[in-house]
């Protein structure tokens, strides 16, 4: 759901600033070259401001998570904190701290779910190698080596097959919902301006959802191939 919201926000960033700027220019009766220049600067300015506000807010949010992790006295406090934090980056950071304090396979699986950073997987494999039964330790070392061979030069890795399939289905369902709703509005609507706007939203959102469906299906396939080796 977080990825869906982020995509909708990103696409809205390309749709609504131009609409707002154009509405302002029309209301002020500004046209010609002056309108074009103001429009370009307005769209760029609004978009950059929104992006900078988001990045600043995200950085502050993650910094607060690290501060709260330091204040947590025990495992239960960390688990409660993880339930309250929203971002997967925060949940991954909290899960890594839990694993450092008290390793368990359940928590290792949650780290695999919450993170897509290659660097974070070092904690995953290190925990298994350190705490596994001696008879299984060599197997985890082989899995770690296989992972490093495939992903050591990459930044992201999507290994959780179940989570990847869930994301694929979410994007796919969203794609068909957009097509259905837009089709119904266009079929029963008589307002030409609304028809054009719905068509634009359908094209932008539909394309975004379709691309993400393909991406997550590809990640699901890769994680299925990797599940017996990593």
C-alpha atoms as a PDB file:
ATOM      1  CA  UNK A   1       0.000   0.000   0.000  1.00  0.00           C
ATOM      2  CA  UNK A   2       2.878   2.379   0.757  1.00  0.00           C
ATOM      3  CA  UNK A   3       4.287   1.931  -2.758  1.00  0.00           C
ATOM      4  CA  UNK A   4       0.854   2.564  -4.275  1.00  0.00           C
ATOM      5  CA  UNK A   5       0.463   5.773  -2.275  1.00  0.00           C
ATOM      6  CA  UNK A   6       3.963   6.911  -3.264  1.00  0.00           C
ATOM      7  CA  UNK A   7       3.232   6.307  -6.945  1.00  0.00           C
ATOM      8  CA  UNK A   8      -0.072   8.166  -6.791  1.00  0.00           C
ATOM      9  CA  UNK A   9       1.695  11.039  -5.054  1.00  0.00           C
ATOM     10  CA  UNK A  10       4.457  11.083  -7.658  1.00  0.00           C
ATOM     11  CA  UNK A  11       2.001  11.026 -10.548  1.00  0.00           C
ATOM     12  CA  UNK A  12      -0.084  13.724  -8.876  1.00  0.00           C
ATOM     13  CA  UNK A  13       3.103  15.782  -8.812  1.00  0.00           C
ATOM     14  CA  UNK A  14       3.135  15.702 -12.620  1.00  0.00           C
ATOM     15  CA  UNK A  15      -0.598  16.393 -12.972  1.00  0.00           C
ATOM     16  CA  UNK A  16      -1.709  18.965 -10.416  1.00  0.00           C
ATOM     17  CA  UNK A  17       1.088  21.606 -10.397  1.00  0.00           C
ATOM     18  CA  UNK A  18       0.563  22.333 -14.131  1.00  0.00           C
ATOM     19  CA  UNK A  19      -3.209  22.470 -13.557  1.00  0.00           C
ATOM     20  CA  UNK A  20      -2.796  24.884 -10.638  1.00  0.00           C
ATOM     21  CA  UNK A  21      -0.406  27.102 -12.544  1.00  0.00           C
ATOM     22  CA  UNK A  22      -2.634  27.154 -15.631  1.00  0.00           C
ATOM     23  CA  UNK A  23      -5.678  27.966 -13.490  1.00  0.00           C
ATOM     24  CA  UNK A  24      -3.757  30.854 -11.915  1.00  0.00           C
ATOM     25  CA  UNK A  25      -2.690  32.218 -15.306  1.00  0.00           C
ATOM     26  CA  UNK A  26      -6.227  31.986 -16.689  1.00  0.00           C
ATOM     27  CA  UNK A  27      -7.691  33.724 -13.625  1.00  0.00           C
ATOM     28  CA  UNK A  28      -5.092  36.497 -13.944  1.00  0.00           C
ATOM     29  CA  UNK A  29      -5.711  36.762 -17.710  1.00  0.00           C
ATOM     30  CA  UNK A  30      -2.024  36.215 -18.521  1.00  0.00           C
ATOM     31  CA  UNK A  31      -1.124  34.687 -21.887  1.00  0.00           C
ATOM     32  CA  UNK A  32       1.555  34.545 -24.588  1.00  0.00           C
ATOM     33  CA  UNK A  33       5.281  34.166 -23.894  1.00  0.00           C
ATOM     34  CA  UNK A  34       4.919  35.612 -20.413  1.00  0.00           C
ATOM     35  CA  UNK A  35       2.416  32.911 -19.506  1.00  0.00           C
ATOM     36  CA  UNK A  36       4.734  30.202 -20.839  1.00  0.00           C
ATOM     37  CA  UNK A  37       7.698  31.448 -18.789  1.00  0.00           C
ATOM     38  CA  UNK A  38       5.642  31.844 -15.620  1.00  0.00           C
ATOM     39  CA  UNK A  39       4.106  28.423 -16.183  1.00  0.00           C
ATOM     40  CA  UNK A  40       7.479  26.689 -16.519  1.00  0.00           C
ATOM     41  CA  UNK A  41       8.964  28.365 -13.446  1.00  0.00           C
ATOM     42  CA  UNK A  42       5.773  27.797 -11.467  1.00  0.00           C
ATOM     43  CA  UNK A  43       5.590  24.079 -12.237  1.00  0.00           C
ATOM     44  CA  UNK A  44       9.298  23.537 -11.511  1.00  0.00           C
ATOM     45  CA  UNK A  45       9.112  25.570  -8.305  1.00  0.00           C
ATOM     46  CA  UNK A  46       6.049  23.786  -6.932  1.00  0.00           C
ATOM     47  CA  UNK A  47       7.402  20.343  -7.835  1.00  0.00           C
ATOM     48  CA  UNK A  48      10.819  20.992  -6.278  1.00  0.00           C
ATOM     49  CA  UNK A  49       9.235  22.416  -3.131  1.00  0.00           C
ATOM     50  CA  UNK A  50       7.049  19.316  -2.685  1.00  0.00           C
ATOM     51  CA  UNK A  51       9.994  16.959  -3.298  1.00  0.00           C
ATOM     52  CA  UNK A  52      12.267  18.822  -0.856  1.00  0.00           C
ATOM     53  CA  UNK A  53       9.559  18.880   1.823  1.00  0.00           C
ATOM     54  CA  UNK A  54       9.039  15.126   1.394  1.00  0.00           C
ATOM     55  CA  UNK A  55      12.772  14.310   1.548  1.00  0.00           C
ATOM     56  CA  UNK A  56      13.289  16.543   4.585  1.00  0.00           C
ATOM     57  CA  UNK A  57      10.299  14.976   6.332  1.00  0.00           C
ATOM     58  CA  UNK A  58      11.489  11.432   5.549  1.00  0.00           C
ATOM     59  CA  UNK A  59      15.001  12.161   6.821  1.00  0.00           C
ATOM     60  CA  UNK A  60      13.611  13.610  10.063  1.00  0.00           C
ATOM     61  CA  UNK A  61      11.251  10.646  10.469  1.00  0.00           C
ATOM     62  CA  UNK A  62      14.040   8.065  10.106  1.00  0.00           C
ATOM     63  CA  UNK A  63      16.309  10.042  12.444  1.00  0.00           C
ATOM     64  CA  UNK A  64      13.569  10.026  15.073  1.00  0.00           C
ATOM     65  CA  UNK A  65      13.225   6.261  14.626  1.00  0.00           C
ATOM     66  CA  UNK A  66      16.930   5.787  15.424  1.00  0.00           C
ATOM     67  CA  UNK A  67      16.541   7.979  18.513  1.00  0.00           C
ATOM     68  CA  UNK A  68      13.541   5.930  19.684  1.00  0.00           C
ATOM     69  CA  UNK A  69      15.499   2.699  19.111  1.00  0.00           C
ATOM     70  CA  UNK A  70      18.203   3.933  21.491  1.00  0.00           C
ATOM     71  CA  UNK A  71      15.540   4.685  24.097  1.00  0.00           C
ATOM     72  CA  UNK A  72      13.900   1.240  23.879  1.00  0.00           C
ATOM     73  CA  UNK A  73      14.946  -0.820  26.886  1.00  0.00           C
ATOM     74  CA  UNK A  74      13.898  -4.308  25.823  1.00  0.00           C
ATOM     75  CA  UNK A  75      12.708  -6.461  22.920  1.00  0.00           C
ATOM     76  CA  UNK A  76       9.013  -5.899  23.624  1.00  0.00           C
ATOM     77  CA  UNK A  77       9.512  -2.142  23.571  1.00  0.00           C
ATOM     78  CA  UNK A  78      11.200  -2.466  20.184  1.00  0.00           C
ATOM     79  CA  UNK A  79       8.359  -4.614  18.816  1.00  0.00           C
ATOM     80  CA  UNK A  80       5.805  -2.072  20.024  1.00  0.00           C
ATOM     81  CA  UNK A  81       7.824   0.704  18.414  1.00  0.00           C
ATOM     82  CA  UNK A  82       7.983  -1.227  15.132  1.00  0.00           C
ATOM     83  CA  UNK A  83       4.198  -1.582  15.087  1.00  0.00           C
ATOM     84  CA  UNK A  84       3.831   2.183  15.493  1.00  0.00           C
ATOM     85  CA  UNK A  85       6.347   3.290  12.855  1.00  0.00           C
ATOM     86  CA  UNK A  86       5.028   3.557   9.315  1.00  0.00           C
ATOM     87  CA  UNK A  87       7.941   3.326   6.897  1.00  0.00           C
ATOM     88  CA  UNK A  88       9.571   0.028   5.975  1.00  0.00           C
ATOM     89  CA  UNK A  89      12.998   1.653   6.485  1.00  0.00           C
ATOM     90  CA  UNK A  90      12.096   2.295  10.123  1.00  0.00           C
ATOM     91  CA  UNK A  91      10.683  -1.204  10.564  1.00  0.00           C
ATOM     92  CA  UNK A  92      13.858  -2.701   9.053  1.00  0.00           C
ATOM     93  CA  UNK A  93      16.104  -0.641  11.357  1.00  0.00           C
ATOM     94  CA  UNK A  94      14.116  -1.732  14.409  1.00  0.00           C
ATOM     95  CA  UNK A  95      14.159  -5.373  13.304  1.00  0.00           C
ATOM     96  CA  UNK A  96      17.941  -5.289  12.884  1.00  0.00           C
ATOM     97  CA  UNK A  97      18.259  -3.984  16.447  1.00  0.00           C
ATOM     98  CA  UNK A  98      16.015  -6.813  17.673  1.00  0.00           C
ATOM     99  CA  UNK A  99      18.195  -9.350  15.861  1.00  0.00           C
ATOM    100  CA  UNK A 100      21.328  -7.878  17.421  1.00  0.00           C
ATOM    101  CA  UNK A 101      19.832  -8.229  20.896  1.00  0.00           C
ATOM    102  CA  UNK A 102      18.100 -11.576  20.482  1.00  0.00           C
ATOM    103  CA  UNK A 103      18.218 -13.523  17.208  1.00  0.00           C
ATOM    104  CA  UNK A 104      15.211 -15.564  16.079  1.00  0.00           C
ATOM    105  CA  UNK A 105      14.194 -16.995  12.722  1.00  0.00           C
ATOM    106  CA  UNK A 106      10.868 -15.179  12.927  1.00  0.00           C
ATOM    107  CA  UNK A 107      12.591 -11.808  13.259  1.00  0.00           C
ATOM    108  CA  UNK A 108      15.066 -12.690  10.497  1.00  0.00           C
ATOM    109  CA  UNK A 109      12.123 -13.420   8.190  1.00  0.00           C
ATOM    110  CA  UNK A 110      10.636 -10.030   9.098  1.00  0.00           C
ATOM    111  CA  UNK A 111      13.897  -8.288   8.211  1.00  0.00           C
ATOM    112  CA  UNK A 112      13.789 -10.023   4.847  1.00  0.00           C
ATOM    113  CA  UNK A 113      10.245  -8.705   4.425  1.00  0.00           C
ATOM    114  CA  UNK A 114      10.895  -5.116   5.493  1.00  0.00           C
ATOM    115  CA  UNK A 115      14.180  -4.398   3.746  1.00  0.00           C
ATOM    116  CA  UNK A 116      15.251  -4.357   0.117  1.00  0.00           C
ATOM    117  CA  UNK A 117      18.744  -3.042   0.830  1.00  0.00           C
ATOM    118  CA  UNK A 118      21.621  -5.371   0.057  1.00  0.00           C
ATOM    119  CA  UNK A 119      23.618  -3.991   2.990  1.00  0.00           C
ATOM    120  CA  UNK A 120      20.888  -4.951   5.463  1.00  0.00           C
ATOM    121  CA  UNK A 121      21.061  -8.586   4.380  1.00  0.00           C
ATOM    122  CA  UNK A 122      24.472  -8.835   6.052  1.00  0.00           C
ATOM    123  CA  UNK A 123      22.605  -8.841   9.382  1.00  0.00           C
ATOM    124  CA  UNK A 124      20.270 -11.529   8.056  1.00  0.00           C
ATOM    125  CA  UNK A 125      23.017 -13.973   7.082  1.00  0.00           C
ATOM    126  CA  UNK A 126      25.320 -13.066   9.974  1.00  0.00           C
ATOM    127  CA  UNK A 127      22.536 -13.851  12.412  1.00  0.00           C
ATOM    128  CA  UNK A 128      21.831 -17.244  10.874  1.00  0.00           C
ATOM    129  CA  UNK A 129      25.507 -18.199  10.658  1.00  0.00           C
ATOM    130  CA  UNK A 130      26.154 -17.195  14.268  1.00  0.00           C
ATOM    131  CA  UNK A 131      23.050 -18.804  15.786  1.00  0.00           C
ATOM    132  CA  UNK A 132      22.315 -21.781  13.527  1.00  0.00           C
ATOM    133  CA  UNK A 133      22.904 -25.361  14.469  1.00  0.00           C
ATOM    134  CA  UNK A 134      26.521 -26.289  13.591  1.00  0.00           C
ATOM    135  CA  UNK A 135      25.264 -28.805  11.040  1.00  0.00           C
ATOM    136  CA  UNK A 136      23.438 -26.021   9.146  1.00  0.00           C
ATOM    137  CA  UNK A 137      26.061 -23.314   9.496  1.00  0.00           C
ATOM    138  CA  UNK A 138      27.918 -24.298   6.333  1.00  0.00           C
ATOM    139  CA  UNK A 139      24.686 -24.194   4.325  1.00  0.00           C
ATOM    140  CA  UNK A 140      24.011 -20.603   5.429  1.00  0.00           C
ATOM    141  CA  UNK A 141      27.564 -19.631   4.532  1.00  0.00           C
ATOM    142  CA  UNK A 142      26.986 -21.025   1.038  1.00  0.00           C
ATOM    143  CA  UNK A 143      23.703 -19.087   0.765  1.00  0.00           C
ATOM    144  CA  UNK A 144      25.475 -15.921   1.912  1.00  0.00           C
ATOM    145  CA  UNK A 145      28.227 -16.429  -0.654  1.00  0.00           C
ATOM    146  CA  UNK A 146      25.635 -17.025  -3.390  1.00  0.00           C
ATOM    147  CA  UNK A 147      23.886 -13.808  -2.362  1.00  0.00           C
ATOM    148  CA  UNK A 148      27.125 -11.816  -2.429  1.00  0.00           C
ATOM    149  CA  UNK A 149      28.039 -13.161  -5.858  1.00  0.00           C
ATOM    150  CA  UNK A 150      24.706 -12.057  -7.281  1.00  0.00           C
ATOM    151  CA  UNK A 151      24.028  -8.821  -5.418  1.00  0.00           C
ATOM    152  CA  UNK A 152      27.285  -7.427  -4.009  1.00  0.00           C
ATOM    153  CA  UNK A 153      27.478  -4.812  -6.782  1.00  0.00           C
ATOM    154  CA  UNK A 154      23.791  -3.919  -6.488  1.00  0.00           C
ATOM    155  CA  UNK A 155      21.987  -1.701  -4.005  1.00  0.00           C
ATOM    156  CA  UNK A 156      18.591  -3.407  -3.910  1.00  0.00           C
ATOM    157  CA  UNK A 157      17.475  -7.002  -3.542  1.00  0.00           C
ATOM    158  CA  UNK A 158      13.865  -8.217  -3.345  1.00  0.00           C
ATOM    159  CA  UNK A 159      14.077 -11.718  -1.864  1.00  0.00           C
ATOM    160  CA  UNK A 160      10.761 -12.159  -0.048  1.00  0.00           C
ATOM    161  CA  UNK A 161       8.702 -14.205  -2.524  1.00  0.00           C
ATOM    162  CA  UNK A 162       5.422 -13.921  -0.605  1.00  0.00           C
ATOM    163  CA  UNK A 163       5.746 -10.144  -0.228  1.00  0.00           C
ATOM    164  CA  UNK A 164       6.657  -9.751  -3.902  1.00  0.00           C
ATOM    165  CA  UNK A 165       3.585 -11.724  -4.981  1.00  0.00           C
ATOM    166  CA  UNK A 166       1.371  -9.624  -2.676  1.00  0.00           C
ATOM    167  CA  UNK A 167       2.755  -6.426  -4.203  1.00  0.00           C
ATOM    168  CA  UNK A 168       2.244  -7.784  -7.725  1.00  0.00           C
ATOM    169  CA  UNK A 169      -1.401  -8.543  -6.957  1.00  0.00           C
ATOM    170  CA  UNK A 170      -1.954  -5.114  -5.389  1.00  0.00           C
ATOM    171  CA  UNK A 171      -0.604  -3.313  -8.451  1.00  0.00           C
ATOM    172  CA  UNK A 172      -2.563  -5.594 -10.783  1.00  0.00           C
ATOM    173  CA  UNK A 173      -5.835  -5.067  -8.909  1.00  0.00           C
ATOM    174  CA  UNK A 174      -5.201  -1.322  -8.817  1.00  0.00           C
ATOM    175  CA  UNK A 175      -4.625  -1.287 -12.575  1.00  0.00           C
ATOM    176  CA  UNK A 176      -7.940  -2.991 -13.331  1.00  0.00           C
ATOM    177  CA  UNK A 177      -9.796  -0.815 -10.786  1.00  0.00           C
ATOM    178  CA  UNK A 178      -8.501   2.323 -12.525  1.00  0.00           C
ATOM    179  CA  UNK A 179      -9.540   1.017 -15.940  1.00  0.00           C
ATOM    180  CA  UNK A 180     -12.986   0.032 -14.674  1.00  0.00           C
ATOM    181  CA  UNK A 181     -13.731   3.269 -12.821  1.00  0.00           C
ATOM    182  CA  UNK A 182     -12.443   5.456 -15.642  1.00  0.00           C
ATOM    183  CA  UNK A 183     -14.457   3.447 -18.178  1.00  0.00           C
ATOM    184  CA  UNK A 184     -17.663   3.823 -16.145  1.00  0.00           C
ATOM    185  CA  UNK A 185     -17.174   7.568 -15.681  1.00  0.00           C
ATOM    186  CA  UNK A 186     -16.476   8.064 -19.379  1.00  0.00           C
ATOM    187  CA  UNK A 187     -19.465   5.936 -20.348  1.00  0.00           C
ATOM    188  CA  UNK A 188     -22.050   7.763 -18.253  1.00  0.00           C
ATOM    189  CA  UNK A 189     -20.502  11.248 -18.186  1.00  0.00           C
ATOM    190  CA  UNK A 190     -21.752  14.053 -20.443  1.00  0.00           C
ATOM    191  CA  UNK A 191     -19.263  16.744 -19.433  1.00  0.00           C
ATOM    192  CA  UNK A 192     -16.517  17.028 -22.046  1.00  0.00           C
ATOM    193  CA  UNK A 193     -13.961  18.640 -19.705  1.00  0.00           C
ATOM    194  CA  UNK A 194     -14.471  15.924 -17.091  1.00  0.00           C
ATOM    195  CA  UNK A 195     -14.167  13.271 -19.790  1.00  0.00           C
ATOM    196  CA  UNK A 196     -10.784  14.665 -20.889  1.00  0.00           C
ATOM    197  CA  UNK A 197      -9.529  14.936 -17.295  1.00  0.00           C
ATOM    198  CA  UNK A 198     -10.589  11.364 -16.487  1.00  0.00           C
ATOM    199  CA  UNK A 199      -8.886  10.183 -19.673  1.00  0.00           C
ATOM    200  CA  UNK A 200      -5.637  11.922 -18.669  1.00  0.00           C
ATOM    201  CA  UNK A 201      -5.747  10.478 -15.154  1.00  0.00           C
ATOM    202  CA  UNK A 202      -6.520   7.037 -16.585  1.00  0.00           C
ATOM    203  CA  UNK A 203      -3.558   7.211 -18.957  1.00  0.00           C
ATOM    204  CA  UNK A 204      -1.087   8.454 -16.325  1.00  0.00           C
ATOM    205  CA  UNK A 205      -2.195   6.260 -13.406  1.00  0.00           C
ATOM    206  CA  UNK A 206      -2.950   3.258 -15.623  1.00  0.00           C
ATOM    207  CA  UNK A 207       0.518   3.395 -17.168  1.00  0.00           C
ATOM    208  CA  UNK A 208       2.156   3.758 -13.762  1.00  0.00           C
ATOM    209  CA  UNK A 209       0.227   0.831 -12.281  1.00  0.00           C
ATOM    210  CA  UNK A 210       0.886  -1.351 -15.340  1.00  0.00           C
ATOM    211  CA  UNK A 211       4.634  -0.675 -15.225  1.00  0.00           C
ATOM    212  CA  UNK A 212       4.772  -1.464 -11.502  1.00  0.00           C
ATOM    213  CA  UNK A 213       2.760  -4.665 -12.049  1.00  0.00           C
ATOM    214  CA  UNK A 214       5.345  -5.817 -14.586  1.00  0.00           C
ATOM    215  CA  UNK A 215       8.230  -4.812 -12.297  1.00  0.00           C
ATOM    216  CA  UNK A 216       6.840  -6.686  -9.288  1.00  0.00           C
ATOM    217  CA  UNK A 217       5.968  -9.750 -11.347  1.00  0.00           C
ATOM    218  CA  UNK A 218       9.579  -9.767 -12.522  1.00  0.00           C
ATOM    219  CA  UNK A 219      10.798  -9.470  -8.915  1.00  0.00           C
ATOM    220  CA  UNK A 220       8.477 -12.306  -7.897  1.00  0.00           C
ATOM    221  CA  UNK A 221       9.909 -14.518 -10.617  1.00  0.00           C
ATOM    222  CA  UNK A 222      13.495 -13.705  -9.603  1.00  0.00           C
ATOM    223  CA  UNK A 223      12.794 -14.365  -5.928  1.00  0.00           C
ATOM    224  CA  UNK A 224      11.171 -17.689  -6.877  1.00  0.00           C
ATOM    225  CA  UNK A 225      14.318 -18.705  -8.746  1.00  0.00           C
ATOM    226  CA  UNK A 226      16.513 -17.544  -5.833  1.00  0.00           C
ATOM    227  CA  UNK A 227      14.569 -19.124  -2.953  1.00  0.00           C
ATOM    228  CA  UNK A 228      16.493 -22.421  -3.025  1.00  0.00           C
ATOM    229  CA  UNK A 229      19.913 -20.793  -3.314  1.00  0.00           C
ATOM    230  CA  UNK A 230      19.833 -17.605  -1.189  1.00  0.00           C
END
